Amino acid sequence: LIHNIVKHASATKAIVQLLAYEDILSLIVEDNGKGIDSNYQGQGMGLKNMYKRVTESGGVINIKRKKTSGTIIEIEFPINSHRNTII
């Protein structure tokens, strides 16, 4: 995601958030770049590969163009809280 921002977005700022709550791991990446074209059909290999990797791992990805400028990408994965238990 960071590579795409640097290479394609012409952004001057980016925010990366990694949050874990209950049984969800959430990654949110937001930039102030030019945004994804509203006619974009997912033709680039980078986003296709990202979609594939996320969905094959049981996650969900949502890409939104911000109204002013930039893009927000939200990725969520279910996590098993029992794995995080320290014994």
PDB file of N, CA and C in Angstrom:
ATOM      1  N   LEU A   1       0.826  -1.206   0.000  1.00  0.00           N
ATOM      2  CA  LEU A   1       0.000   0.000   0.000  1.00  0.00           C
ATOM      3  C   LEU A   1       0.863   1.260   0.000  1.00  0.00           C
ATOM      4  N   ILE A   2       1.910   1.254   0.817  1.00  0.00           N
ATOM      5  CA  ILE A   2       2.788   2.427   0.875  1.00  0.00           C
ATOM      6  C   ILE A   2       3.479   2.628  -0.483  1.00  0.00           C
ATOM      7  N   HIS A   3       3.912   1.536  -1.083  1.00  0.00           N
ATOM      8  CA  HIS A   3       4.551   1.623  -2.402  1.00  0.00           C
ATOM      9  C   HIS A   3       3.591   2.257  -3.417  1.00  0.00           C
ATOM     10  N   ASN A   4       2.332   1.846  -3.394  1.00  0.00           N
ATOM     11  CA  ASN A   4       1.347   2.412  -4.322  1.00  0.00           C
ATOM     12  C   ASN A   4       1.137   3.899  -4.080  1.00  0.00           C
ATOM     13  N   ILE A   5       1.134   4.316  -2.821  1.00  0.00           N
ATOM     14  CA  ILE A   5       0.973   5.743  -2.516  1.00  0.00           C
ATOM     15  C   ILE A   5       2.140   6.530  -3.086  1.00  0.00           C
ATOM     16  N   VAL A   6       3.354   6.047  -2.842  1.00  0.00           N
ATOM     17  CA  VAL A   6       4.544   6.742  -3.327  1.00  0.00           C
ATOM     18  C   VAL A   6       4.584   6.758  -4.852  1.00  0.00           C
ATOM     19  N   LYS A   7       4.256   5.642  -5.477  1.00  0.00           N
ATOM     20  CA  LYS A   7       4.399   5.506  -6.927  1.00  0.00           C
ATOM     21  C   LYS A   7       3.271   6.167  -7.723  1.00  0.00           C
ATOM     22  N   HIS A   8       2.035   6.095  -7.208  1.00  0.00           N
ATOM     23  CA  HIS A   8       0.888   6.490  -8.034  1.00  0.00           C
ATOM     24  C   HIS A   8       0.073   7.680  -7.516  1.00  0.00           C
ATOM     25  N   ALA A   9       0.063   7.921  -6.227  1.00  0.00           N
ATOM     26  CA  ALA A   9      -0.921   8.851  -5.668  1.00  0.00           C
ATOM     27  C   ALA A   9      -0.512  10.316  -5.680  1.00  0.00           C
ATOM     28  N   SER A  10       0.771  10.614  -5.817  1.00  0.00           N
ATOM     29  CA  SER A  10       1.255  11.996  -5.694  1.00  0.00           C
ATOM     30  C   SER A  10       0.825  12.611  -4.361  1.00  0.00           C
ATOM     31  N   ALA A  11       0.822  11.803  -3.329  1.00  0.00           N
ATOM     32  CA  ALA A  11       0.383  12.256  -2.001  1.00  0.00           C
ATOM     33  C   ALA A  11       1.523  12.945  -1.259  1.00  0.00           C
ATOM     34  N   THR A  12       1.159  13.862  -0.366  1.00  0.00           N
ATOM     35  CA  THR A  12       2.144  14.498   0.508  1.00  0.00           C
ATOM     36  C   THR A  12       2.037  13.976   1.935  1.00  0.00           C
ATOM     37  N   LYS A  13       0.940  13.295   2.243  1.00  0.00           N
ATOM     38  CA  LYS A  13       0.736  12.743   3.580  1.00  0.00           C
ATOM     39  C   LYS A  13       0.040  11.396   3.478  1.00  0.00           C
ATOM     40  N   ALA A  14       0.360  10.521   4.433  1.00  0.00           N
ATOM     41  CA  ALA A  14      -0.318   9.235   4.543  1.00  0.00           C
ATOM     42  C   ALA A  14      -0.422   8.875   6.017  1.00  0.00           C
ATOM     43  N   ILE A  15      -1.492   8.216   6.368  1.00  0.00           N
ATOM     44  CA  ILE A  15      -1.716   7.741   7.737  1.00  0.00           C
ATOM     45  C   ILE A  15      -1.911   6.235   7.653  1.00  0.00           C
ATOM     46  N   VAL A  16      -1.190   5.498   8.494  1.00  0.00           N
ATOM     47  CA  VAL A  16      -1.320   4.051   8.559  1.00  0.00           C
ATOM     48  C   VAL A  16      -1.734   3.686   9.977  1.00  0.00           C
ATOM     49  N   GLN A  17      -2.846   2.979  10.107  1.00  0.00           N
ATOM     50  CA  GLN A  17      -3.339   2.551  11.411  1.00  0.00           C
ATOM     51  C   GLN A  17      -3.496   1.043  11.422  1.00  0.00           C
ATOM     52  N   LEU A  18      -2.996   0.411  12.467  1.00  0.00           N
ATOM     53  CA  LEU A  18      -3.182  -1.016  12.667  1.00  0.00           C
ATOM     54  C   LEU A  18      -3.873  -1.181  14.007  1.00  0.00           C
ATOM     55  N   LEU A  19      -5.077  -1.716  13.968  1.00  0.00           N
ATOM     56  CA  LEU A  19      -5.897  -1.822  15.169  1.00  0.00           C
ATOM     57  C   LEU A  19      -6.338  -3.259  15.384  1.00  0.00           C
ATOM     58  N   ALA A  20      -6.350  -3.684  16.616  1.00  0.00           N
ATOM     59  CA  ALA A  20      -6.901  -4.991  16.964  1.00  0.00           C
ATOM     60  C   ALA A  20      -7.991  -4.753  17.987  1.00  0.00           C
ATOM     61  N   TYR A  21      -9.179  -5.270  17.706  1.00  0.00           N
ATOM     62  CA  TYR A  21     -10.281  -5.144  18.643  1.00  0.00           C
ATOM     63  C   TYR A  21     -11.154  -6.383  18.530  1.00  0.00           C
ATOM     64  N   GLU A  22     -11.540  -6.866  19.696  1.00  0.00           N
ATOM     65  CA  GLU A  22     -12.306  -8.104  19.796  1.00  0.00           C
ATOM     66  C   GLU A  22     -11.673  -9.177  18.920  1.00  0.00           C
ATOM     67  N   ASP A  23     -12.312  -9.588  17.851  1.00  0.00           N
ATOM     68  CA  ASP A  23     -11.759 -10.651  17.011  1.00  0.00           C
ATOM     69  C   ASP A  23     -11.438 -10.177  15.598  1.00  0.00           C
ATOM     70  N   ILE A  24     -11.108  -8.872  15.461  1.00  0.00           N
ATOM     71  CA  ILE A  24     -10.806  -8.288  14.157  1.00  0.00           C
ATOM     72  C   ILE A  24      -9.459  -7.558  14.210  1.00  0.00           C
ATOM     73  N   LEU A  25      -8.635  -7.799  13.201  1.00  0.00           N
ATOM     74  CA  LEU A  25      -7.417  -7.027  12.987  1.00  0.00           C
ATOM     75  C   LEU A  25      -7.691  -6.112  11.803  1.00  0.00           C
ATOM     76  N   SER A  26      -7.531  -4.827  12.003  1.00  0.00           N
ATOM     77  CA  SER A  26      -7.903  -3.850  10.982  1.00  0.00           C
ATOM     78  C   SER A  26      -6.697  -3.006  10.588  1.00  0.00           C
ATOM     79  N   LEU A  27      -6.466  -2.887   9.288  1.00  0.00           N
ATOM     80  CA  LEU A  27      -5.428  -2.031   8.738  1.00  0.00           C
ATOM     81  C   LEU A  27      -6.124  -0.948   7.926  1.00  0.00           C
ATOM     82  N   ILE A  28      -5.849   0.304   8.265  1.00  0.00           N
ATOM     83  CA  ILE A  28      -6.448   1.430   7.548  1.00  0.00           C
ATOM     84  C   ILE A  28      -5.316   2.306   7.036  1.00  0.00           C
ATOM     85  N   VAL A  29      -5.302   2.544   5.737  1.00  0.00           N
ATOM     86  CA  VAL A  29      -4.287   3.391   5.117  1.00  0.00           C
ATOM     87  C   VAL A  29      -5.021   4.496   4.368  1.00  0.00           C
ATOM     88  N   GLU A  30      -4.650   5.726   4.677  1.00  0.00           N
ATOM     89  CA  GLU A  30      -5.325   6.887   4.104  1.00  0.00           C
ATOM     90  C   GLU A  30      -4.268   7.840   3.564  1.00  0.00           C
ATOM     91  N   ASP A  31      -4.514   8.416   2.383  1.00  0.00           N
ATOM     92  CA  ASP A  31      -3.569   9.393   1.834  1.00  0.00           C
ATOM     93  C   ASP A  31      -4.331  10.594   1.288  1.00  0.00           C
ATOM     94  N   ASN A  32      -3.585  11.658   0.992  1.00  0.00           N
ATOM     95  CA  ASN A  32      -4.189  12.878   0.443  1.00  0.00           C
ATOM     96  C   ASN A  32      -3.818  13.055  -1.029  1.00  0.00           C
ATOM     97  N   GLY A  33      -3.571  11.955  -1.710  1.00  0.00           N
ATOM     98  CA  GLY A  33      -3.163  12.006  -3.118  1.00  0.00           C
ATOM     99  C   GLY A  33      -4.323  12.243  -4.066  1.00  0.00           C
ATOM    100  N   LYS A  34      -4.072  11.923  -5.330  1.00  0.00           N
ATOM    101  CA  LYS A  34      -5.072  12.201  -6.360  1.00  0.00           C
ATOM    102  C   LYS A  34      -6.246  11.230  -6.355  1.00  0.00           C
ATOM    103  N   GLY A  35      -6.147  10.149  -5.598  1.00  0.00           N
ATOM    104  CA  GLY A  35      -7.263   9.213  -5.486  1.00  0.00           C
ATOM    105  C   GLY A  35      -7.343   8.265  -6.664  1.00  0.00           C
ATOM    106  N   ILE A  36      -8.091   7.216  -6.464  1.00  0.00           N
ATOM    107  CA  ILE A  36      -8.298   6.235  -7.526  1.00  0.00           C
ATOM    108  C   ILE A  36      -9.400   6.742  -8.438  1.00  0.00           C
ATOM    109  N   ASP A  37      -9.185   6.643  -9.730  1.00  0.00           N
ATOM    110  CA  ASP A  37     -10.162   7.071 -10.729  1.00  0.00           C
ATOM    111  C   ASP A  37     -11.489   6.366 -10.474  1.00  0.00           C
ATOM    112  N   SER A  38     -12.582   7.126 -10.491  1.00  0.00           N
ATOM    113  CA  SER A  38     -13.901   6.543 -10.238  1.00  0.00           C
ATOM    114  C   SER A  38     -14.292   5.503 -11.288  1.00  0.00           C
ATOM    115  N   ASN A  39     -13.655   5.535 -12.464  1.00  0.00           N
ATOM    116  CA  ASN A  39     -13.909   4.537 -13.501  1.00  0.00           C
ATOM    117  C   ASN A  39     -12.960   3.349 -13.402  1.00  0.00           C
ATOM    118  N   TYR A  40     -12.134   3.319 -12.366  1.00  0.00           N
ATOM    119  CA  TYR A  40     -11.141   2.262 -12.210  1.00  0.00           C
ATOM    120  C   TYR A  40     -11.826   0.906 -12.122  1.00  0.00           C
ATOM    121  N   GLN A  41     -11.349  -0.036 -12.906  1.00  0.00           N
ATOM    122  CA  GLN A  41     -11.945  -1.366 -12.951  1.00  0.00           C
ATOM    123  C   GLN A  41     -11.018  -2.434 -12.374  1.00  0.00           C
ATOM    124  N   GLY A  42     -10.017  -2.034 -11.613  1.00  0.00           N
ATOM    125  CA  GLY A  42      -9.112  -3.011 -11.027  1.00  0.00           C
ATOM    126  C   GLY A  42      -8.201  -3.657 -12.056  1.00  0.00           C
ATOM    127  N   GLN A  43      -7.755  -2.895 -13.056  1.00  0.00           N
ATOM    128  CA  GLN A  43      -6.966  -3.455 -14.141  1.00  0.00           C
ATOM    129  C   GLN A  43      -5.494  -3.614 -13.790  1.00  0.00           C
ATOM    130  N   GLY A  44      -5.019  -2.899 -12.787  1.00  0.00           N
ATOM    131  CA  GLY A  44      -3.617  -3.008 -12.413  1.00  0.00           C
ATOM    132  C   GLY A  44      -3.349  -4.273 -11.620  1.00  0.00           C
ATOM    133  N   MET A  45      -2.179  -4.856 -11.810  1.00  0.00           N
ATOM    134  CA  MET A  45      -1.835  -6.099 -11.118  1.00  0.00           C
ATOM    135  C   MET A  45      -1.655  -5.889  -9.622  1.00  0.00           C
ATOM    136  N   GLY A  46      -1.177  -4.726  -9.211  1.00  0.00           N
ATOM    137  CA  GLY A  46      -0.937  -4.475  -7.793  1.00  0.00           C
ATOM    138  C   GLY A  46      -2.192  -4.625  -6.954  1.00  0.00           C
ATOM    139  N   LEU A  47      -3.268  -3.966  -7.339  1.00  0.00           N
ATOM    140  CA  LEU A  47      -4.513  -4.057  -6.575  1.00  0.00           C
ATOM    141  C   LEU A  47      -5.171  -5.418  -6.728  1.00  0.00           C
ATOM    142  N   LYS A  48      -5.071  -6.018  -7.910  1.00  0.00           N
ATOM    143  CA  LYS A  48      -5.622  -7.367  -8.092  1.00  0.00           C
ATOM    144  C   LYS A  48      -4.929  -8.347  -7.152  1.00  0.00           C
ATOM    145  N   ASN A  49      -3.598  -8.258  -7.080  1.00  0.00           N
ATOM    146  CA  ASN A  49      -2.851  -9.132  -6.185  1.00  0.00           C
ATOM    147  C   ASN A  49      -3.202  -8.871  -4.724  1.00  0.00           C
ATOM    148  N   MET A  50      -3.403  -7.597  -4.382  1.00  0.00           N
ATOM    149  CA  MET A  50      -3.769  -7.251  -3.010  1.00  0.00           C
ATOM    150  C   MET A  50      -5.128  -7.852  -2.655  1.00  0.00           C
ATOM    151  N   TYR A  51      -6.103  -7.680  -3.538  1.00  0.00           N
ATOM    152  CA  TYR A  51      -7.428  -8.267  -3.320  1.00  0.00           C
ATOM    153  C   TYR A  51      -7.317  -9.781  -3.127  1.00  0.00           C
ATOM    154  N   LYS A  52      -6.546 -10.413  -3.994  1.00  0.00           N
ATOM    155  CA  LYS A  52      -6.407 -11.864  -3.935  1.00  0.00           C
ATOM    156  C   LYS A  52      -5.773 -12.311  -2.629  1.00  0.00           C
ATOM    157  N   ARG A  53      -4.687 -11.656  -2.226  1.00  0.00           N
ATOM    158  CA  ARG A  53      -3.999 -12.040  -0.985  1.00  0.00           C
ATOM    159  C   ARG A  53      -4.885 -11.840   0.238  1.00  0.00           C
ATOM    160  N   VAL A  54      -5.595 -10.738   0.260  1.00  0.00           N
ATOM    161  CA  VAL A  54      -6.461 -10.457   1.412  1.00  0.00           C
ATOM    162  C   VAL A  54      -7.603 -11.465   1.481  1.00  0.00           C
ATOM    163  N   THR A  55      -8.295 -11.684   0.375  1.00  0.00           N
ATOM    164  CA  THR A  55      -9.452 -12.588   0.396  1.00  0.00           C
ATOM    165  C   THR A  55      -9.044 -14.041   0.631  1.00  0.00           C
ATOM    166  N   GLU A  56      -7.902 -14.456   0.065  1.00  0.00           N
ATOM    167  CA  GLU A  56      -7.445 -15.822   0.297  1.00  0.00           C
ATOM    168  C   GLU A  56      -7.026 -16.047   1.750  1.00  0.00           C
ATOM    169  N   SER A  57      -6.713 -14.965   2.447  1.00  0.00           N
ATOM    170  CA  SER A  57      -6.341 -15.062   3.865  1.00  0.00           C
ATOM    171  C   SER A  57      -7.557 -14.904   4.778  1.00  0.00           C
ATOM    172  N   GLY A  58      -8.747 -14.836   4.177  1.00  0.00           N
ATOM    173  CA  GLY A  58      -9.975 -14.711   4.954  1.00  0.00           C
ATOM    174  C   GLY A  58     -10.345 -13.287   5.312  1.00  0.00           C
ATOM    175  N   GLY A  59      -9.689 -12.328   4.679  1.00  0.00           N
ATOM    176  CA  GLY A  59      -9.952 -10.927   4.978  1.00  0.00           C
ATOM    177  C   GLY A  59     -10.888 -10.266   3.997  1.00  0.00           C
ATOM    178  N   VAL A  60     -11.163  -9.004   4.276  1.00  0.00           N
ATOM    179  CA  VAL A  60     -12.028  -8.171   3.442  1.00  0.00           C
ATOM    180  C   VAL A  60     -11.276  -6.871   3.175  1.00  0.00           C
ATOM    181  N   ILE A  61     -11.338  -6.398   1.940  1.00  0.00           N
ATOM    182  CA  ILE A  61     -10.681  -5.134   1.582  1.00  0.00           C
ATOM    183  C   ILE A  61     -11.710  -4.190   0.978  1.00  0.00           C
ATOM    184  N   ASN A  62     -11.616  -2.931   1.369  1.00  0.00           N
ATOM    185  CA  ASN A  62     -12.530  -1.907   0.876  1.00  0.00           C
ATOM    186  C   ASN A  62     -11.690  -0.702   0.473  1.00  0.00           C
ATOM    187  N   ILE A  63     -11.808  -0.263  -0.780  1.00  0.00           N
ATOM    188  CA  ILE A  63     -11.064   0.892  -1.276  1.00  0.00           C
ATOM    189  C   ILE A  63     -12.056   1.984  -1.629  1.00  0.00           C
ATOM    190  N   LYS A  64     -11.845   3.169  -1.036  1.00  0.00           N
ATOM    191  CA  LYS A  64     -12.763   4.285  -1.264  1.00  0.00           C
ATOM    192  C   LYS A  64     -11.988   5.530  -1.666  1.00  0.00           C
ATOM    193  N   ARG A  65     -12.510   6.253  -2.615  1.00  0.00           N
ATOM    194  CA  ARG A  65     -11.966   7.563  -2.950  1.00  0.00           C
ATOM    195  C   ARG A  65     -12.601   8.585  -2.018  1.00  0.00           C
ATOM    196  N   LYS A  66     -11.768   9.403  -1.404  1.00  0.00           N
ATOM    197  CA  LYS A  66     -12.293  10.446  -0.520  1.00  0.00           C
ATOM    198  C   LYS A  66     -12.924  11.561  -1.348  1.00  0.00           C
ATOM    199  N   LYS A  67     -13.881  12.245  -0.771  1.00  0.00           N
ATOM    200  CA  LYS A  67     -14.592  13.301  -1.512  1.00  0.00           C
ATOM    201  C   LYS A  67     -13.665  14.451  -1.896  1.00  0.00           C
ATOM    202  N   THR A  68     -12.774  14.832  -0.991  1.00  0.00           N
ATOM    203  CA  THR A  68     -11.885  15.964  -1.278  1.00  0.00           C
ATOM    204  C   THR A  68     -10.712  15.513  -2.142  1.00  0.00           C
ATOM    205  N   SER A  69      -9.848  14.705  -1.602  1.00  0.00           N
ATOM    206  CA  SER A  69      -8.735  14.139  -2.370  1.00  0.00           C
ATOM    207  C   SER A  69      -8.168  12.970  -1.590  1.00  0.00           C
ATOM    208  N   GLY A  70      -7.659  12.002  -2.309  1.00  0.00           N
ATOM    209  CA  GLY A  70      -7.022  10.880  -1.652  1.00  0.00           C
ATOM    210  C   GLY A  70      -7.866   9.622  -1.647  1.00  0.00           C
ATOM    211  N   THR A  71      -7.327   8.627  -0.958  1.00  0.00           N
ATOM    212  CA  THR A  71      -7.922   7.308  -0.926  1.00  0.00           C
ATOM    213  C   THR A  71      -7.858   6.753   0.482  1.00  0.00           C
ATOM    214  N   ILE A  72      -8.854   5.970   0.843  1.00  0.00           N
ATOM    215  CA  ILE A  72      -8.851   5.225   2.096  1.00  0.00           C
ATOM    216  C   ILE A  72      -8.967   3.748   1.746  1.00  0.00           C
ATOM    217  N   ILE A  73      -8.034   2.962   2.265  1.00  0.00           N
ATOM    218  CA  ILE A  73      -8.083   1.516   2.064  1.00  0.00           C
ATOM    219  C   ILE A  73      -8.214   0.871   3.436  1.00  0.00           C
ATOM    220  N   GLU A  74      -9.254   0.077   3.586  1.00  0.00           N
ATOM    221  CA  GLU A  74      -9.518  -0.621   4.848  1.00  0.00           C
ATOM    222  C   GLU A  74      -9.423  -2.119   4.595  1.00  0.00           C
ATOM    223  N   ILE A  75      -8.619  -2.781   5.399  1.00  0.00           N
ATOM    224  CA  ILE A  75      -8.470  -4.231   5.307  1.00  0.00           C
ATOM    225  C   ILE A  75      -8.757  -4.809   6.686  1.00  0.00           C
ATOM    226  N   GLU A  76      -9.604  -5.822   6.738  1.00  0.00           N
ATOM    227  CA  GLU A  76      -9.923  -6.460   8.015  1.00  0.00           C
ATOM    228  C   GLU A  76      -9.727  -7.964   7.904  1.00  0.00           C
ATOM    229  N   PHE A  77      -9.137  -8.525   8.963  1.00  0.00           N
ATOM    230  CA  PHE A  77      -8.945  -9.959   9.072  1.00  0.00           C
ATOM    231  C   PHE A  77      -9.555 -10.441  10.375  1.00  0.00           C
ATOM    232  N   PRO A  78     -10.261 -11.554  10.356  1.00  0.00           N
ATOM    233  CA  PRO A  78     -10.705 -12.144  11.623  1.00  0.00           C
ATOM    234  C   PRO A  78      -9.493 -12.741  12.333  1.00  0.00           C
ATOM    235  N   ILE A  79      -9.441 -12.560  13.640  1.00  0.00           N
ATOM    236  CA  ILE A  79      -8.358 -13.166  14.415  1.00  0.00           C
ATOM    237  C   ILE A  79      -8.960 -14.002  15.524  1.00  0.00           C
ATOM    238  N   ASN A  80      -8.235 -15.025  15.895  1.00  0.00           N
ATOM    239  CA  ASN A  80      -8.670 -15.911  16.972  1.00  0.00           C
ATOM    240  C   ASN A  80      -7.997 -15.427  18.248  1.00  0.00           C
ATOM    241  N   SER A  81      -8.771 -14.914  19.177  1.00  0.00           N
ATOM    242  CA  SER A  81      -8.196 -14.361  20.403  1.00  0.00           C
ATOM    243  C   SER A  81      -7.499 -15.414  21.236  1.00  0.00           C
ATOM    244  N   HIS A  82      -7.838 -16.704  21.050  1.00  0.00           N
ATOM    245  CA  HIS A  82      -7.184 -17.764  21.813  1.00  0.00           C
ATOM    246  C   HIS A  82      -5.721 -17.909  21.442  1.00  0.00           C
ATOM    247  N   ARG A  83      -5.347 -17.564  20.233  1.00  0.00           N
ATOM    248  CA  ARG A  83      -3.947 -17.637  19.802  1.00  0.00           C
ATOM    249  C   ARG A  83      -3.102 -16.621  20.539  1.00  0.00           C
ATOM    250  N   ASN A  84      -3.711 -15.528  20.966  1.00  0.00           N
ATOM    251  CA  ASN A  84      -2.971 -14.465  21.610  1.00  0.00           C
ATOM    252  C   ASN A  84      -2.846 -14.639  23.116  1.00  0.00           C
ATOM    253  N   THR A  85      -3.353 -15.705  23.636  1.00  0.00           N
ATOM    254  CA  THR A  85      -3.309 -15.942  25.065  1.00  0.00           C
ATOM    255  C   THR A  85      -1.911 -16.410  25.458  1.00  0.00           C
ATOM    256  N   ILE A  86      -1.340 -15.760  26.451  1.00  0.00           N
ATOM    257  CA  ILE A  86      -0.034 -16.152  26.949  1.00  0.00           C
ATOM    258  C   ILE A  86      -0.220 -17.130  28.085  1.00  0.00           C
ATOM    259  N   ILE A  87       0.444 -18.283  27.991  1.00  0.00           N
ATOM    260  CA  ILE A  87       0.301 -19.308  29.019  1.00  0.00           C
ATOM    261  C   ILE A  87       1.543 -19.341  29.876  1.00  0.00           C
TER     262      ILE A  87
END
